Amino acid sequence: MAVPRFWPSFRQLLLVSFLLIAALLGGIALKAVWTFDALMLQSSGFARSALNLNGSVQALSERSATMERAARQSLILNDAVLRRRFAEAGQEAAQALERLGQAAPAALAADWQARRGAIDRLMAGPPETALDRERAVAAEFRELDAVNTALAQDIQRGIEKRNADLNAELDASRMQLMRHVVAAIALAVLLAIGLGVLLARPFKRIERAIDGLGENRLDLPIEIRGPSDVREVGQRLDWLRLRLTELDADKARFLRHISHELKTPLAAMHEGVSLLEDGVTGDLTEGQREVTRILRDNTRMLQEQIEALLRFNAAAFEARQLRRQPTALLQLLEDQVEMQRLQWQAQALRVRVAGEPLTLQIDAEKMATVVGNLLSNAIRFSPREGAITLEVARDGTMARIDIQDDGPGVAEHDQARIFEPFYRGQRQPASAAKGTGVGLSIVQEYVAAHGGRVEILPAGHAESRGTGAHFRIRLPHVA
């Protein structure tokens, strides 16, 4: 996969992602505000229009009633003032009808005007026909009231229809807005997930690169693709890898050099002491023989220390080169017990292997060294006719190996340093040869290289028996 020529920085990508999501949700919010403002304005206009229409209908009905009273009284009393009141009320009723405008059906408006014209014609005539005309006017007003009632009902139905239409439009707008909001949220979530995956992928690579450095896999170059600042972090990690490789090589060269420089004069010293002990330079007194014995023991001890240092350095180097393969843990433990059968039978020890069959992807040779070193320690520290238990168990996604003995155990103040190179605890067996102090360090190196850990459980632990040493190994990747 080719690295793109231009990658914005992580901060720029993060800012762009936030701006995109904010713009998306902000646009939906603004559209919602605009839609509801438009609907509120429309609703407010409709409310004013409905009030005006109801007011005009009520005014038309009231003015019609005033017209009827004034008309009938003026016909009976032949009063000019009442006649003027009738004319004024008629003019106001006509204005109310005019205000109804298109809301009033044309047929009803025309019928109202026709009834009004008929009433106006009946108002004119000689006094002797006033009573007959009054009865005719009363009939016309009854018809006019019916027209007013029809107008009021029709306008009320129109108001109700407009109100229903407005509610339907409001519901439709709400549903549309809800769909837009859901779509915007879904799009924002997809955008956030996409950007999250895009931004998280380089950090996963960084995490794997750091794990590789922690596990001393220094032969693999580190290349992180992604934003420019993340690529820069990858370059610094690769520089750190190269630097660690150089330091490791320098340490290995130094150890080889110093070991070689020490072994040559040490061999000469050892040869000289042997010549002195053999009496080549003459017979030795008892005191001189004691001094040569001390020199011989110390040169042998120093030689063992140098060889242990070389073994530990080799083990630390080999820990980075694991050859993993499916390995049955129980079989591995049984093989190590069988290989050291002479040692534990010589002390009449009882060695037991137990547990469930687990298979792990591990370096069988290095893990055999781990189990072998711990078993050798257990044999060395166990009293005669004691018992040693090796047990395999599953602990979640981890495999657990427990090795317990009946020896004196590890002193509390030694437990924190027991895995340090060349550290020897105080509780050393009097009858056994003194150890070099690198066996447990090699155990820790190999277990850590597999991504696991080794620990010693304190005396009195709920899962321990007796006061002997109890070492526990935890390894991941149970198959």
Protein backbone atom coordinates (compact mmCIF):
# COMPACT_ATOMS: atom_id res chain seq x y z
CA MET A 1 0.00 0.00 0.00
CA ALA A 2 1.56 3.29 -1.11
CA VAL A 3 1.90 6.05 1.46
CA PRO A 4 -0.10 9.11 0.36
CA ARG A 5 1.98 12.13 -0.48
CA PHE A 6 -0.02 14.40 1.76
CA TRP A 7 -1.51 13.51 5.12
CA PRO A 8 -2.82 16.24 7.39
CA SER A 9 -1.74 16.12 10.99
CA PHE A 10 -3.72 14.28 13.65
CA ARG A 11 -4.83 17.60 15.16
CA GLN A 12 -6.06 18.80 11.76
CA LEU A 13 -7.99 15.58 11.14
CA LEU A 14 -9.52 15.77 14.59
CA LEU A 15 -10.52 19.40 14.04
CA VAL A 16 -12.00 18.63 10.61
CA SER A 17 -13.98 15.71 12.01
CA PHE A 18 -15.43 17.83 14.81
CA LEU A 19 -16.25 20.63 12.37
CA LEU A 20 -17.99 18.22 9.97
CA ILE A 21 -20.11 16.69 12.72
CA ALA A 22 -20.86 20.12 14.21
CA ALA A 23 -21.80 21.51 10.77
CA LEU A 24 -24.07 18.54 10.09
CA LEU A 25 -25.91 18.74 13.40
CA GLY A 26 -25.88 22.55 13.36
CA GLY A 27 -27.44 22.61 9.89
CA ILE A 28 -30.23 20.31 11.04
CA ALA A 29 -30.78 22.48 14.11
CA LEU A 30 -30.95 25.65 12.01
CA LYS A 31 -33.36 24.03 9.58
CA ALA A 32 -35.53 22.93 12.52
CA VAL A 33 -35.56 26.49 13.90
CA TRP A 34 -36.39 27.94 10.47
CA THR A 35 -39.18 25.38 9.89
CA PHE A 36 -40.78 25.96 13.27
CA ASP A 37 -40.47 29.72 12.91
CA ALA A 38 -42.29 29.52 9.58
CA LEU A 39 -44.98 27.30 11.09
CA MET A 40 -45.38 29.58 14.11
CA LEU A 41 -45.68 32.60 11.83
CA GLN A 42 -48.27 30.78 9.73
CA SER A 43 -50.14 29.70 12.86
CA SER A 44 -50.10 33.22 14.24
CA GLY A 45 -51.44 34.62 10.95
CA PHE A 46 -54.14 31.97 10.87
CA ALA A 47 -55.17 32.80 14.45
CA ARG A 48 -55.47 36.50 13.60
CA SER A 49 -57.44 35.69 10.46
CA ALA A 50 -59.78 33.38 12.40
CA LEU A 51 -60.38 36.08 15.03
CA ASN A 52 -61.12 38.64 12.32
CA LEU A 53 -63.52 36.30 10.52
CA ASN A 54 -65.34 35.41 13.75
CA GLY A 55 -65.53 39.10 14.61
CA SER A 56 -66.95 39.97 11.17
CA VAL A 57 -69.54 37.15 11.39
CA GLN A 58 -70.58 38.30 14.85
CA ALA A 59 -70.75 41.95 13.68
CA LEU A 60 -72.86 40.92 10.68
CA SER A 61 -75.29 39.07 12.93
CA GLU A 62 -75.51 41.92 15.44
CA ARG A 63 -75.98 44.59 12.75
CA SER A 64 -78.65 42.45 11.10
CA ALA A 65 -80.52 42.30 14.41
CA THR A 66 -80.17 46.09 14.81
CA MET A 67 -81.43 46.57 11.26
CA GLU A 68 -84.49 44.41 11.99
CA ARG A 69 -85.44 46.32 15.14
CA ALA A 70 -84.95 49.71 13.55
CA ALA A 71 -86.77 48.73 10.34
CA ARG A 72 -89.88 47.29 12.01
CA GLN A 73 -90.11 50.10 14.56
CA SER A 74 -89.70 52.77 11.91
CA LEU A 75 -92.45 51.19 9.80
CA ILE A 76 -94.86 51.09 12.74
CA LEU A 77 -93.94 54.48 14.22
CA ASN A 78 -92.98 56.15 10.94
CA ASP A 79 -89.94 57.63 12.74
CA ALA A 80 -87.17 59.25 10.68
CA VAL A 81 -84.55 58.67 13.43
CA LEU A 82 -85.24 54.95 13.41
CA ARG A 83 -85.03 55.04 9.61
CA ARG A 84 -81.52 56.58 9.84
CA ARG A 85 -80.51 53.97 12.45
CA PHE A 86 -81.68 51.26 10.02
CA ALA A 87 -79.58 52.77 7.24
CA GLU A 88 -76.48 53.05 9.44
CA ALA A 89 -76.82 49.48 10.68
CA GLY A 90 -77.26 48.28 7.10
CA GLN A 91 -74.12 50.11 6.04
CA GLU A 92 -72.15 48.56 8.92
CA ALA A 93 -73.55 45.08 8.09
CA ALA A 94 -72.46 45.53 4.46
CA GLN A 95 -68.97 46.47 5.65
CA ALA A 96 -68.86 43.36 7.86
CA LEU A 97 -69.88 41.22 4.89
CA GLU A 98 -67.20 42.91 2.80
CA ARG A 99 -64.59 42.12 5.47
CA LEU A 100 -65.47 38.45 5.18
CA GLY A 101 -64.22 38.69 1.61
CA GLN A 102 -63.44 35.37 -0.08
CA ALA A 103 -64.10 33.46 3.15
CA ALA A 104 -67.82 33.98 2.55
CA PRO A 105 -69.30 31.79 -0.21
CA ALA A 106 -70.32 33.89 -3.23
CA ALA A 107 -73.84 32.38 -3.31
CA LEU A 108 -74.52 33.21 0.34
CA ALA A 109 -73.05 36.71 -0.04
CA ALA A 110 -75.25 37.29 -3.10
CA ASP A 111 -78.30 35.89 -1.26
CA TRP A 112 -77.54 38.24 1.66
CA GLN A 113 -77.32 41.23 -0.70
CA ALA A 114 -80.59 40.19 -2.39
CA ARG A 115 -82.40 39.95 0.96
CA ARG A 116 -80.99 43.34 1.93
CA GLY A 117 -82.24 44.84 -1.35
CA ALA A 118 -85.68 43.33 -0.82
CA ILE A 119 -85.84 44.83 2.70
CA ASP A 120 -84.76 48.24 1.38
CA ARG A 121 -87.58 48.12 -1.19
CA LEU A 122 -90.12 47.16 1.44
CA MET A 123 -89.08 50.10 3.59
CA ALA A 124 -90.37 52.52 0.92
CA GLY A 125 -94.14 52.99 0.52
CA PRO A 126 -97.23 54.86 1.75
CA PRO A 127 -98.07 54.90 5.53
CA GLU A 128 -101.34 53.02 5.03
CA THR A 129 -99.37 49.90 3.88
CA ALA A 130 -96.88 50.08 6.74
CA LEU A 131 -98.35 47.16 8.69
CA ASP A 132 -98.33 44.86 5.66
CA ARG A 133 -94.81 45.92 4.80
CA GLU A 134 -93.72 45.37 8.43
CA ARG A 135 -94.93 41.76 8.24
CA ALA A 136 -93.09 41.28 4.93
CA VAL A 137 -89.91 42.85 6.37
CA ALA A 138 -90.10 40.48 9.35
CA ALA A 139 -90.26 37.51 6.96
CA GLU A 140 -87.30 38.83 4.96
CA PHE A 141 -85.25 39.25 8.15
CA ARG A 142 -86.02 35.68 9.12
CA GLU A 143 -84.56 34.65 5.76
CA LEU A 144 -81.62 37.01 6.36
CA ASP A 145 -80.98 35.40 9.75
CA ALA A 146 -80.90 32.02 8.05
CA VAL A 147 -78.35 33.39 5.57
CA ASN A 148 -76.28 34.79 8.49
CA THR A 149 -76.41 31.40 10.22
CA ALA A 150 -75.32 29.64 7.05
CA LEU A 151 -72.50 32.15 6.62
CA ALA A 152 -71.35 31.61 10.20
CA GLN A 153 -71.44 27.82 9.85
CA ASP A 154 -69.62 27.89 6.52
CA ILE A 155 -66.91 30.21 7.84
CA GLN A 156 -66.54 28.06 10.97
CA ARG A 157 -66.09 24.98 8.79
CA GLY A 158 -63.50 26.89 6.77
CA ILE A 159 -61.64 27.84 9.96
CA GLU A 160 -61.73 24.25 11.17
CA LYS A 161 -60.50 23.00 7.79
CA ARG A 162 -57.64 25.50 7.78
CA ASN A 163 -56.80 24.50 11.34
CA ALA A 164 -56.76 20.80 10.37
CA ASP A 165 -54.59 21.59 7.35
CA LEU A 166 -52.19 23.54 9.55
CA ASN A 167 -52.01 20.67 12.05
CA ALA A 168 -51.40 18.21 9.22
CA GLU A 169 -48.65 20.44 7.85
CA LEU A 170 -47.17 20.71 11.34
CA ASP A 171 -47.22 16.93 11.72
CA ALA A 172 -45.68 16.47 8.27
CA SER A 173 -42.96 19.01 9.08
CA ARG A 174 -42.31 17.31 12.41
CA MET A 175 -41.99 13.90 10.76
CA GLN A 176 -39.76 15.28 8.04
CA LEU A 177 -37.60 17.01 10.62
CA MET A 178 -37.44 13.83 12.66
CA ARG A 179 -36.31 11.87 9.61
CA HIS A 180 -33.67 14.52 8.90
CA VAL A 181 -32.49 14.43 12.51
CA VAL A 182 -32.28 10.61 12.52
CA ALA A 183 -30.45 10.67 9.19
CA ALA A 184 -28.10 13.39 10.47
CA ILE A 185 -27.37 11.45 13.67
CA ALA A 186 -26.78 8.24 11.70
CA LEU A 187 -24.51 10.09 9.29
CA ALA A 188 -22.70 11.76 12.19
CA VAL A 189 -22.23 8.37 13.89
CA LEU A 190 -20.94 6.82 10.67
CA LEU A 191 -18.65 9.79 10.15
CA ALA A 192 -17.40 9.55 13.74
CA ILE A 193 -16.85 5.78 13.43
CA GLY A 194 -15.09 6.18 10.09
CA LEU A 195 -12.85 8.95 11.35
CA GLY A 196 -12.31 7.03 14.59
CA VAL A 197 -11.19 3.93 12.71
CA LEU A 198 -9.05 6.05 10.40
CA LEU A 199 -7.40 7.78 13.35
CA ALA A 200 -7.21 4.72 15.62
CA ARG A 201 -5.46 2.51 13.07
CA PRO A 202 -2.10 4.36 13.29
CA PHE A 203 -2.27 4.25 17.09
CA LYS A 204 -2.81 0.48 16.96
CA ARG A 205 0.36 0.28 14.88
CA ILE A 206 2.17 2.45 17.42
CA GLU A 207 0.93 0.19 20.21
CA ARG A 208 2.17 -2.91 18.37
CA ALA A 209 5.49 -1.19 17.71
CA ILE A 210 5.91 -0.34 21.40
CA ASP A 211 4.99 -3.93 22.33
CA GLY A 212 7.63 -5.12 19.89
CA LEU A 213 10.24 -2.88 21.52
CA GLY A 214 9.16 -4.12 24.94
CA GLU A 215 9.55 -7.74 23.78
CA ASN A 216 12.96 -6.96 22.22
CA ARG A 217 11.83 -7.62 18.64
CA LEU A 218 14.41 -5.17 17.34
CA ASP A 219 14.92 -6.75 13.92
CA LEU A 220 11.58 -5.51 12.51
CA PRO A 221 11.63 -1.94 11.13
CA ILE A 222 8.87 0.37 12.39
CA GLU A 223 6.81 2.17 9.75
CA ILE A 224 3.65 3.97 10.82
CA ARG A 225 1.31 5.26 8.11
CA GLY A 226 -1.16 8.00 8.93
CA PRO A 227 -1.20 11.69 9.82
CA SER A 228 2.09 13.55 9.60
CA ASP A 229 2.62 13.90 13.34
CA VAL A 230 1.81 10.20 13.87
CA ARG A 231 4.32 9.29 11.12
CA GLU A 232 6.85 11.41 12.96
CA VAL A 233 6.21 9.40 16.13
CA GLY A 234 6.77 6.22 14.08
CA GLN A 235 10.09 7.59 12.81
CA ARG A 236 11.18 8.36 16.37
CA LEU A 237 10.19 4.84 17.45
CA ASP A 238 12.24 3.38 14.60
CA TRP A 239 15.16 5.57 15.67
CA LEU A 240 14.70 4.21 19.21
CA ARG A 241 14.67 0.65 17.80
CA LEU A 242 17.97 1.25 16.00
CA ARG A 243 19.44 2.84 19.10
CA LEU A 244 18.37 -0.10 21.27
CA THR A 245 19.86 -2.47 18.72
CA GLU A 246 23.15 -0.60 18.87
CA LEU A 247 23.14 -0.56 22.66
CA ASP A 248 22.34 -4.26 22.79
CA ALA A 249 25.13 -5.03 20.36
CA ASP A 250 27.52 -2.82 22.37
CA LYS A 251 26.54 -4.65 25.56
CA ALA A 252 27.06 -8.04 23.95
CA ARG A 253 30.48 -6.97 22.57
CA PHE A 254 31.46 -5.57 25.94
CA LEU A 255 30.49 -8.76 27.75
CA ARG A 256 32.32 -10.94 25.23
CA HIS A 257 35.39 -8.73 25.42
CA ILE A 258 35.51 -8.46 29.19
CA SER A 259 34.83 -12.17 29.58
CA HIS A 260 37.66 -13.02 27.20
CA GLU A 261 40.00 -10.59 28.92
CA LEU A 262 39.15 -12.11 32.30
CA LYS A 263 39.23 -15.76 31.29
CA THR A 264 42.82 -15.63 29.97
CA PRO A 265 44.51 -14.42 33.19
CA LEU A 266 42.05 -16.50 35.21
CA ALA A 267 43.15 -19.64 33.38
CA ALA A 268 46.76 -18.71 34.06
CA MET A 269 46.01 -18.22 37.75
CA HIS A 270 44.18 -21.55 37.91
CA GLU A 271 47.12 -23.32 36.22
CA GLY A 272 49.58 -21.66 38.56
CA VAL A 273 47.65 -22.70 41.63
CA SER A 274 47.47 -26.29 40.30
CA LEU A 275 51.26 -26.29 39.83
CA LEU A 276 51.74 -25.06 43.36
CA GLU A 277 49.40 -27.75 44.72
CA ASP A 278 51.24 -30.43 42.75
CA GLY A 279 54.55 -29.36 44.41
CA VAL A 280 56.26 -28.41 41.13
CA THR A 281 57.98 -25.49 42.84
CA GLY A 282 58.74 -27.50 45.96
CA ASP A 283 56.97 -28.94 48.93
CA LEU A 284 54.35 -26.70 50.61
CA THR A 285 53.70 -26.28 54.25
CA GLU A 286 50.24 -26.91 55.66
CA GLY A 287 49.51 -23.17 55.72
CA GLN A 288 50.65 -22.76 52.12
CA ARG A 289 48.41 -25.65 51.07
CA GLU A 290 45.45 -23.93 52.77
CA VAL A 291 46.21 -20.74 50.84
CA THR A 292 46.39 -22.60 47.52
CA ARG A 293 43.08 -24.31 48.35
CA ILE A 294 41.47 -20.93 48.90
CA LEU A 295 42.96 -19.60 45.66
CA ARG A 296 41.75 -22.67 43.76
CA ASP A 297 38.18 -22.35 45.11
CA ASN A 298 38.00 -18.65 44.35
CA THR A 299 39.37 -18.98 40.82
CA ARG A 300 36.85 -21.77 40.16
CA MET A 301 34.05 -19.59 41.57
CA LEU A 302 35.15 -16.64 39.47
CA GLN A 303 35.23 -18.83 36.37
CA GLU A 304 31.71 -20.06 37.11
CA GLN A 305 30.55 -16.45 37.53
CA ILE A 306 32.00 -15.48 34.15
CA GLU A 307 30.39 -18.47 32.47
CA ALA A 308 27.08 -17.64 34.18
CA LEU A 309 27.34 -14.08 32.91
CA LEU A 310 27.86 -15.36 29.39
CA ARG A 311 24.91 -17.75 29.75
CA PHE A 312 22.66 -14.96 30.99
CA ASN A 313 23.71 -12.65 28.17
CA ALA A 314 23.09 -15.43 25.64
CA ALA A 315 19.69 -16.15 27.18
CA ALA A 316 18.70 -12.46 27.03
CA PHE A 317 19.67 -12.42 23.35
CA GLU A 318 17.89 -15.69 22.53
CA ALA A 319 14.72 -14.51 24.28
CA ARG A 320 14.11 -12.19 21.33
CA GLN A 321 14.10 -15.08 18.87
CA LEU A 322 11.12 -17.25 19.74
CA ARG A 323 10.21 -20.19 17.52
CA ARG A 324 6.62 -20.72 18.52
CA GLN A 325 4.81 -23.96 17.85
CA PRO A 326 1.80 -25.73 19.41
CA THR A 327 3.10 -27.36 22.59
CA ALA A 328 1.29 -29.55 25.13
CA LEU A 329 2.22 -28.20 28.56
CA LEU A 330 1.63 -31.42 30.50
CA GLN A 331 3.91 -33.37 28.17
CA LEU A 332 6.59 -30.67 28.45
CA LEU A 333 6.47 -30.89 32.27
CA GLU A 334 6.61 -34.70 32.23
CA ASP A 335 9.62 -34.62 29.88
CA GLN A 336 11.52 -32.33 32.25
CA VAL A 337 10.67 -34.51 35.24
CA GLU A 338 11.94 -37.54 33.35
CA MET A 339 15.17 -35.75 32.34
CA GLN A 340 15.97 -34.99 35.98
CA ARG A 341 14.83 -38.36 37.34
CA LEU A 342 18.32 -39.31 38.66
CA GLN A 343 18.60 -36.07 40.65
CA TRP A 344 15.25 -36.33 42.43
CA GLN A 345 15.48 -40.09 42.93
CA ALA A 346 18.87 -39.61 44.58
CA GLN A 347 17.10 -37.62 47.30
CA ALA A 348 14.13 -40.01 47.44
CA LEU A 349 11.76 -37.18 46.39
CA ARG A 350 8.19 -37.64 45.22
CA VAL A 351 7.53 -35.63 42.04
CA ARG A 352 3.96 -35.33 40.75
CA VAL A 353 2.66 -33.73 37.52
CA ALA A 354 -1.06 -32.84 37.45
CA GLY A 355 -3.56 -30.55 35.74
CA GLU A 356 -5.61 -30.23 32.58
CA PRO A 357 -4.23 -30.68 29.06
CA LEU A 358 -3.51 -27.25 27.55
CA THR A 359 -1.81 -26.46 24.26
CA LEU A 360 0.03 -23.16 23.75
CA GLN A 361 1.88 -21.48 20.92
CA ILE A 362 5.27 -21.24 22.64
CA ASP A 363 8.96 -21.87 22.07
CA ALA A 364 9.14 -25.40 23.49
CA GLU A 365 12.93 -25.36 23.96
CA LYS A 366 12.99 -22.12 25.94
CA MET A 367 9.96 -23.05 28.02
CA ALA A 368 11.62 -26.40 28.76
CA THR A 369 14.61 -24.42 30.08
CA VAL A 370 12.22 -22.41 32.28
CA VAL A 371 10.58 -25.50 33.76
CA GLY A 372 13.93 -27.29 34.03
CA ASN A 373 15.51 -24.43 36.01
CA LEU A 374 12.57 -24.21 38.41
CA LEU A 375 12.46 -27.98 38.85
CA SER A 376 16.24 -28.07 39.44
CA ASN A 377 15.87 -25.40 42.13
CA ALA A 378 13.01 -27.31 43.75
CA ILE A 379 15.13 -30.51 43.84
CA ARG A 380 18.11 -28.61 45.23
CA PHE A 381 16.15 -27.00 48.07
CA SER A 382 13.83 -29.92 48.95
CA PRO A 383 14.58 -32.03 52.03
CA ARG A 384 15.18 -35.73 51.59
CA GLU A 385 11.94 -37.69 50.95
CA GLY A 386 10.10 -34.42 50.31
CA ALA A 387 7.46 -33.78 47.62
CA ILE A 388 7.45 -31.58 44.51
CA THR A 389 4.26 -30.74 42.59
CA LEU A 390 4.05 -29.40 39.03
CA GLU A 391 0.52 -28.40 38.03
CA VAL A 392 -1.06 -26.93 34.87
CA ALA A 393 -4.38 -25.03 34.99
CA ARG A 394 -6.43 -22.61 32.92
CA ASP A 395 -6.99 -19.13 34.37
CA GLY A 396 -9.36 -17.28 31.99
CA THR A 397 -7.41 -16.72 28.77
CA MET A 398 -4.12 -17.47 30.55
CA ALA A 399 -2.36 -20.74 31.23
CA ARG A 400 -0.91 -21.25 34.70
CA ILE A 401 2.02 -23.45 35.73
CA ASP A 402 2.62 -23.93 39.47
CA ILE A 403 5.78 -25.52 40.89
CA GLN A 404 5.86 -26.17 44.65
CA ASP A 405 8.37 -27.89 46.92
CA ASP A 406 8.77 -28.74 50.63
CA GLY A 407 11.95 -26.76 51.12
CA PRO A 408 12.58 -23.78 53.41
CA GLY A 409 10.93 -21.39 50.92
CA VAL A 410 12.08 -17.92 49.94
CA ALA A 411 12.66 -15.42 52.71
CA GLU A 412 10.29 -12.46 52.65
CA HIS A 413 13.07 -9.91 52.17
CA ASP A 414 14.48 -12.00 49.26
CA GLN A 415 11.24 -12.20 47.26
CA ALA A 416 11.56 -8.72 45.73
CA ARG A 417 15.06 -9.49 44.37
CA ILE A 418 14.94 -13.21 43.71
CA PHE A 419 14.82 -12.74 39.90
CA GLU A 420 17.75 -10.31 39.76
CA PRO A 421 20.86 -11.64 37.97
CA PHE A 422 23.48 -13.13 40.33
CA TYR A 423 21.33 -12.61 43.41
CA ARG A 424 21.32 -15.57 45.80
CA GLY A 425 18.89 -15.79 48.68
CA GLN A 426 19.95 -16.37 52.25
CA ARG A 427 18.24 -19.74 52.67
CA GLN A 428 20.81 -21.84 50.81
CA PRO A 429 20.93 -25.61 51.40
CA ALA A 430 24.05 -26.59 53.35
CA SER A 431 24.55 -29.88 51.53
CA ALA A 432 24.20 -28.57 47.93
CA ALA A 433 26.66 -26.66 45.78
CA LYS A 434 26.28 -22.90 45.79
CA GLY A 435 24.36 -21.61 42.76
CA THR A 436 25.37 -18.81 40.39
CA GLY A 437 22.16 -16.78 40.75
CA VAL A 438 21.29 -16.59 37.04
CA GLY A 439 18.84 -19.48 36.72
CA LEU A 440 15.79 -17.53 37.88
CA SER A 441 16.88 -14.49 35.84
CA ILE A 442 16.87 -16.66 32.71
CA VAL A 443 13.43 -17.96 33.72
CA GLN A 444 12.10 -14.42 33.93
CA GLU A 445 13.67 -13.43 30.58
CA TYR A 446 12.12 -16.37 28.72
CA VAL A 447 8.68 -16.02 30.33
CA ALA A 448 8.59 -12.26 29.64
CA ALA A 449 9.58 -12.93 26.01
CA HIS A 450 6.41 -15.06 25.71
CA GLY A 451 4.29 -12.17 27.03
CA GLY A 452 3.79 -13.83 30.42
CA ARG A 453 5.08 -13.31 33.93
CA VAL A 454 6.58 -15.41 36.70
CA GLU A 455 6.04 -14.73 40.39
CA ILE A 456 6.65 -16.34 43.72
CA LEU A 457 3.67 -16.68 46.00
CA PRO A 458 4.31 -15.65 49.60
CA ALA A 459 4.33 -18.21 52.40
CA GLY A 460 0.88 -18.88 53.77
CA HIS A 461 -0.85 -18.09 50.46
CA ALA A 462 -4.29 -19.71 50.15
CA GLU A 463 -3.20 -21.75 47.11
CA SER A 464 0.11 -22.89 48.57
CA ARG A 465 0.76 -25.96 50.71
CA GLY A 466 3.26 -25.85 53.55
CA THR A 467 6.06 -23.29 53.76
CA GLY A 468 8.06 -24.33 50.70
CA ALA A 469 8.70 -22.20 47.61
CA HIS A 470 5.76 -21.78 45.24
CA PHE A 471 6.58 -20.38 41.78
CA ARG A 472 3.75 -19.53 39.39
CA ILE A 473 4.06 -18.88 35.64
CA ARG A 474 1.26 -17.20 33.67
CA LEU A 475 1.29 -17.49 29.89
CA PRO A 476 -1.24 -15.99 27.41
CA HIS A 477 -2.81 -17.40 24.24
CA VAL A 478 -4.48 -20.56 25.44
CA ALA A 479 -5.45 -22.61 22.35
